[in-house]
Amino acid sequence: MDSQTKVMVVMPAFRAEATLRETFAAIPAGSYDHILVVDDCSDDRTVEVAAELGIPTVRHDANRGYGANQKTCYEAALATDADIVVMLHPDNQYDPRLVPVMAEIIRLGICDMVMGSRIRSRRQVLAGGMPRWKYFTNRATTLAENFLLGTALGDLHSGYRAYRRSVLETVPFQDNSDDFVFDQELIMQARHFGFEIGEVPVPVRYFDDASSIDLRRSLVYGWGAVRCMGALSAHRAGIRKDSRFSRAAASGAPRPE
């Protein structure tokens, strides 16, 4: 990594006591300049473990939700001199060794946003522990989103992402949901404002301590993603303006599509 490029790793945490230490240890040394844990009012020792590891931490005084956690992460990142921001879940589900790989793709100017794709083959994904219902739902919704956004990505539901600073400066992420659908809103915003999205393969790791939403929450999340696709389509057609896609692009950022 170019020494002039500053990288920040942000970790949105909730009940990550059992996995934070292992996740942190696996991040390659020297691959970041700043790191932060944002704890969403966990009822375990997440904050204490972060302190033991020497990781700066922000703690919400109430549980606000996954999306709200990311908002705090990105606000904090934009308050630093970070050029690239990597969002890594501290539950060790995603391989931390890819932090420098994702950041380098952005530094080279290949993409503005990089996602970790868990899906390369059905056998590989199911062997890694992804429930069948989640796999088939992922395939159907990823297909629909790719069609809407003009992309050809393999896993639009991955929670492993890296952003060029200008992406976070441009998209109005504060207008997004405080829940899980925040992830989908941000992808659609990034594409709407003309940013290029790429992906790298990551291994699938599902285990007891890894965070995962149940079927009911997945249905809520899926419905939220469908509604967001509809909102973007209506906004593009001039039927109904949506604040999530209305803010003017920052100076020097790509023009909206």
Protein backbone atom coordinates (compact mmCIF):
# COMPACT_ATOMS: atom_id res chain seq x y z
CA MET A 1 0.00 0.00 0.00
CA ASP A 2 1.21 3.47 -0.90
CA SER A 3 2.31 5.16 2.32
CA GLN A 4 0.48 8.31 1.22
CA THR A 5 -2.86 6.48 1.21
CA LYS A 6 -4.50 6.33 4.63
CA VAL A 7 -6.70 3.34 5.42
CA MET A 8 -9.18 3.06 8.27
CA VAL A 9 -10.84 -0.16 9.43
CA VAL A 10 -14.21 0.27 11.13
CA MET A 11 -15.91 -2.57 12.97
CA PRO A 12 -19.63 -2.28 13.79
CA ALA A 13 -19.94 -4.50 16.85
CA PHE A 14 -22.76 -6.09 18.79
CA ARG A 15 -22.02 -8.88 21.25
CA ALA A 16 -18.61 -9.52 19.71
CA GLU A 17 -16.82 -10.49 22.94
CA ALA A 18 -16.15 -14.05 21.75
CA THR A 19 -14.79 -13.15 18.30
CA LEU A 20 -13.28 -9.66 18.39
CA ARG A 21 -9.85 -10.77 19.58
CA GLU A 22 -9.45 -13.37 16.80
CA THR A 23 -10.76 -10.98 14.14
CA PHE A 24 -8.37 -8.23 15.18
CA ALA A 25 -5.38 -10.60 15.29
CA ALA A 26 -6.05 -11.70 11.70
CA ILE A 27 -5.93 -8.19 10.20
CA PRO A 28 -2.53 -7.98 8.46
CA ALA A 29 -0.06 -5.79 10.33
CA GLY A 30 0.60 -2.48 8.64
CA SER A 31 -2.52 -2.68 6.46
CA TYR A 32 -4.31 0.23 8.14
CA ASP A 33 -3.57 3.59 9.71
CA HIS A 34 -6.70 3.93 11.87
CA ILE A 35 -9.04 1.42 13.45
CA LEU A 36 -12.29 1.81 15.38
CA VAL A 37 -14.87 -0.38 17.06
CA VAL A 38 -18.39 1.02 17.38
CA ASP A 39 -20.31 -0.97 19.97
CA ASP A 40 -24.11 -0.88 19.70
CA CYS A 41 -24.75 -1.15 23.44
CA SER A 42 -23.70 -4.80 23.78
CA ASP A 43 -24.61 -6.62 26.98
CA ASP A 44 -21.32 -8.56 27.02
CA ARG A 45 -17.62 -7.59 27.32
CA THR A 46 -17.16 -6.29 23.76
CA VAL A 47 -16.01 -2.86 24.96
CA GLU A 48 -13.68 -4.34 27.57
CA VAL A 49 -12.08 -6.70 25.03
CA ALA A 50 -11.56 -3.80 22.62
CA ALA A 51 -9.87 -1.84 25.41
CA GLU A 52 -7.62 -4.79 26.21
CA LEU A 53 -6.59 -4.89 22.55
CA GLY A 54 -5.96 -1.15 22.48
CA ILE A 55 -8.66 -0.49 19.88
CA PRO A 56 -10.35 2.94 20.09
CA THR A 57 -14.04 2.44 20.78
CA VAL A 58 -17.28 4.39 20.54
CA ARG A 59 -20.21 2.94 22.48
CA HIS A 60 -23.85 3.74 21.81
CA ASP A 61 -25.80 4.42 24.98
CA ALA A 62 -28.73 2.42 23.57
CA ASN A 63 -29.09 -0.27 20.92
CA ARG A 64 -29.75 1.68 17.72
CA GLY A 65 -29.44 -0.99 15.05
CA TYR A 66 -26.93 -2.21 12.48
CA GLY A 67 -27.48 0.67 10.10
CA ALA A 68 -27.15 3.27 12.85
CA ASN A 69 -23.92 1.58 13.92
CA GLN A 70 -22.50 2.01 10.43
CA LYS A 71 -23.54 5.66 10.37
CA THR A 72 -21.43 6.23 13.48
CA CYS A 73 -18.55 4.27 11.89
CA TYR A 74 -18.55 6.37 8.73
CA GLU A 75 -19.01 9.70 10.52
CA ALA A 76 -15.98 8.85 12.63
CA ALA A 77 -13.98 7.79 9.56
CA LEU A 78 -14.76 11.04 7.74
CA ALA A 79 -13.49 12.95 10.76
CA THR A 80 -10.02 11.44 10.15
CA ASP A 81 -7.65 11.74 7.18
CA ALA A 82 -8.61 8.28 5.89
CA ASP A 83 -8.66 7.94 2.08
CA ILE A 84 -10.13 4.42 2.17
CA VAL A 85 -12.54 2.97 4.72
CA VAL A 86 -12.90 -0.79 5.18
CA MET A 87 -15.93 -2.08 7.07
CA LEU A 88 -15.13 -5.42 8.73
CA HIS A 89 -17.55 -7.31 10.96
CA PRO A 90 -15.85 -8.27 14.25
CA ASP A 91 -17.63 -11.65 14.35
CA ASN A 92 -14.83 -13.26 12.25
CA GLN A 93 -17.27 -14.42 9.58
CA TYR A 94 -15.32 -12.55 6.88
CA ASP A 95 -11.59 -13.12 6.39
CA PRO A 96 -9.66 -10.08 7.73
CA ARG A 97 -6.63 -10.95 5.60
CA LEU A 98 -8.40 -9.35 2.64
CA VAL A 99 -8.38 -5.86 4.16
CA PRO A 100 -5.22 -4.78 2.24
CA VAL A 101 -6.41 -6.49 -0.94
CA MET A 102 -9.70 -4.57 -0.98
CA ALA A 103 -7.98 -1.32 -0.11
CA GLU A 104 -5.36 -1.76 -2.84
CA ILE A 105 -8.02 -2.24 -5.54
CA ILE A 106 -9.44 1.14 -4.57
CA ARG A 107 -6.03 2.80 -4.31
CA LEU A 108 -5.18 1.66 -7.84
CA GLY A 109 -8.29 3.40 -9.12
CA ILE A 110 -9.93 0.19 -10.36
CA CYS A 111 -13.08 0.63 -8.25
CA ASP A 112 -14.59 3.11 -5.82
CA MET A 113 -16.24 0.46 -3.67
CA VAL A 114 -15.20 -3.17 -3.19
CA MET A 115 -17.33 -5.93 -1.73
CA GLY A 116 -16.34 -9.36 -0.45
CA SER A 117 -18.26 -11.96 -2.44
CA ARG A 118 -19.12 -15.13 -0.52
CA ILE A 119 -20.61 -16.90 -3.52
CA ARG A 120 -18.54 -18.68 -6.13
CA SER A 121 -20.44 -21.96 -6.39
CA ARG A 122 -23.53 -23.41 -4.71
CA ARG A 123 -21.55 -26.33 -3.29
CA GLN A 124 -18.89 -24.07 -1.79
CA VAL A 125 -21.42 -21.75 -0.17
CA LEU A 126 -23.61 -24.48 1.31
CA ALA A 127 -20.54 -26.40 2.54
CA GLY A 128 -19.50 -23.20 4.31
CA GLY A 129 -22.71 -23.25 6.31
CA MET A 130 -24.99 -20.78 4.55
CA PRO A 131 -28.61 -21.96 5.04
CA ARG A 132 -30.29 -23.06 1.82
CA TRP A 133 -33.15 -20.58 2.14
CA LYS A 134 -30.63 -17.76 2.54
CA TYR A 135 -28.63 -18.90 -0.49
CA PHE A 136 -31.63 -19.04 -2.83
CA THR A 137 -32.99 -15.72 -1.55
CA ASN A 138 -29.57 -14.17 -2.08
CA ARG A 139 -29.44 -15.45 -5.68
CA ALA A 140 -32.91 -14.13 -6.58
CA THR A 141 -32.48 -10.67 -5.07
CA THR A 142 -28.92 -10.26 -6.36
CA LEU A 143 -30.17 -11.02 -9.87
CA ALA A 144 -32.91 -8.38 -9.57
CA GLU A 145 -30.55 -5.75 -8.16
CA ASN A 146 -27.91 -6.38 -10.81
CA PHE A 147 -30.55 -5.78 -13.48
CA LEU A 148 -31.68 -2.53 -11.86
CA LEU A 149 -28.17 -1.20 -11.19
CA GLY A 150 -26.50 -2.35 -14.38
CA THR A 151 -23.95 -4.41 -12.48
CA ALA A 152 -22.84 -8.05 -12.71
CA LEU A 153 -21.83 -8.73 -9.12
CA GLY A 154 -22.01 -12.10 -7.43
CA ASP A 155 -23.06 -11.16 -3.89
CA LEU A 156 -24.87 -7.89 -3.30
CA HIS A 157 -25.69 -8.86 0.28
CA SER A 158 -22.17 -9.13 1.62
CA GLY A 159 -21.38 -7.14 4.74
CA TYR A 160 -17.67 -6.88 3.91
CA ARG A 161 -17.02 -3.58 2.10
CA ALA A 162 -14.34 -1.03 1.34
CA TYR A 163 -15.05 2.53 0.21
CA ARG A 164 -13.15 5.35 -1.36
CA ARG A 165 -13.59 8.39 0.88
CA SER A 166 -15.48 10.29 -1.84
CA VAL A 167 -18.23 7.62 -1.81
CA LEU A 168 -19.01 8.28 1.84
CA GLU A 169 -18.71 12.02 1.31
CA THR A 170 -21.20 11.89 -1.55
CA VAL A 171 -23.97 9.44 -0.66
CA PRO A 172 -26.51 10.70 1.91
CA PHE A 173 -26.13 7.66 4.16
CA GLN A 174 -27.61 9.55 7.10
CA ASP A 175 -30.99 9.35 5.32
CA ASN A 176 -30.83 5.56 5.30
CA SER A 177 -32.45 3.00 7.59
CA ASP A 178 -31.01 2.24 11.02
CA ASP A 179 -31.65 -1.47 10.36
CA PHE A 180 -30.04 -4.09 8.11
CA VAL A 181 -31.42 -2.70 4.85
CA PHE A 182 -28.90 0.15 5.26
CA ASP A 183 -26.45 -2.05 3.33
CA GLN A 184 -28.71 -2.25 0.29
CA GLU A 185 -29.53 1.44 0.36
CA LEU A 186 -25.84 2.35 0.31
CA ILE A 187 -25.12 0.09 -2.66
CA MET A 188 -27.96 1.65 -4.65
CA GLN A 189 -26.85 5.14 -3.68
CA ALA A 190 -23.27 4.45 -4.74
CA ARG A 191 -24.39 3.23 -8.16
CA HIS A 192 -26.91 6.05 -8.55
CA PHE A 193 -24.16 8.60 -7.99
CA GLY A 194 -21.98 6.91 -10.58
CA PHE A 195 -19.43 5.05 -8.47
CA GLU A 196 -17.91 1.80 -9.70
CA ILE A 197 -18.37 -1.30 -7.53
CA GLY A 198 -16.18 -4.41 -7.70
CA GLU A 199 -15.72 -7.52 -5.59
CA VAL A 200 -13.17 -10.02 -4.34
CA PRO A 201 -13.87 -13.62 -3.30
CA VAL A 202 -14.04 -14.34 0.43
CA PRO A 203 -14.55 -17.69 2.17
CA VAL A 204 -17.92 -18.40 3.77
CA ARG A 205 -17.70 -18.98 7.52
CA TYR A 206 -20.90 -19.66 9.43
CA PHE A 207 -20.58 -20.78 13.05
CA ASP A 208 -22.37 -20.32 16.36
CA ASP A 209 -20.68 -17.05 17.34
CA ALA A 210 -20.97 -15.47 13.87
CA SER A 211 -23.75 -12.93 13.59
CA SER A 212 -26.65 -13.92 11.35
CA ILE A 213 -30.23 -12.74 11.14
CA ASP A 214 -33.05 -15.28 11.38
CA LEU A 215 -35.72 -15.98 8.77
CA ARG A 216 -38.15 -13.35 10.09
CA ARG A 217 -35.53 -10.59 10.10
CA SER A 218 -34.33 -11.74 6.69
CA LEU A 219 -37.82 -11.33 5.30
CA VAL A 220 -38.02 -7.81 6.74
CA TYR A 221 -34.60 -7.06 5.26
CA GLY A 222 -35.59 -8.50 1.88
CA TRP A 223 -38.79 -6.48 1.77
CA GLY A 224 -36.81 -3.37 2.64
CA ALA A 225 -34.44 -4.06 -0.25
CA VAL A 226 -37.37 -4.50 -2.66
CA ARG A 227 -38.91 -1.23 -1.46
CA CYS A 228 -35.58 0.54 -1.96
CA MET A 229 -35.33 -0.79 -5.52
CA GLY A 230 -38.82 0.51 -6.15
CA ALA A 231 -37.95 3.89 -4.64
CA LEU A 232 -34.86 4.19 -6.84
CA SER A 233 -36.84 3.27 -9.95
CA ALA A 234 -39.53 5.84 -9.09
CA HIS A 235 -36.89 8.49 -8.42
CA ARG A 236 -35.17 7.85 -11.75
CA ALA A 237 -38.50 8.01 -13.57
CA GLY A 238 -39.38 11.32 -11.90
CA ILE A 239 -42.46 9.79 -10.27
CA ARG A 240 -41.41 10.39 -6.70
CA LYS A 241 -38.27 12.11 -5.45
CA ASP A 242 -36.39 10.37 -2.66
CA SER A 243 -33.90 12.12 -0.39
CA ARG A 244 -31.65 9.07 -0.44
CA PHE A 245 -30.97 9.70 -4.13
CA SER A 246 -31.48 13.44 -4.37
CA ARG A 247 -28.47 15.05 -2.80
CA ALA A 248 -26.05 16.71 -5.20
CA ALA A 249 -22.75 14.90 -5.73
CA ALA A 250 -19.72 16.30 -3.94
CA SER A 251 -17.18 18.32 -5.87
CA GLY A 252 -15.05 16.04 -8.04
CA ALA A 253 -17.36 13.05 -7.60
CA PRO A 254 -18.94 11.23 -10.55
CA ARG A 255 -22.17 12.65 -11.94
CA PRO A 256 -25.38 10.78 -11.07
CA GLU A 257 -26.54 8.26 -13.67
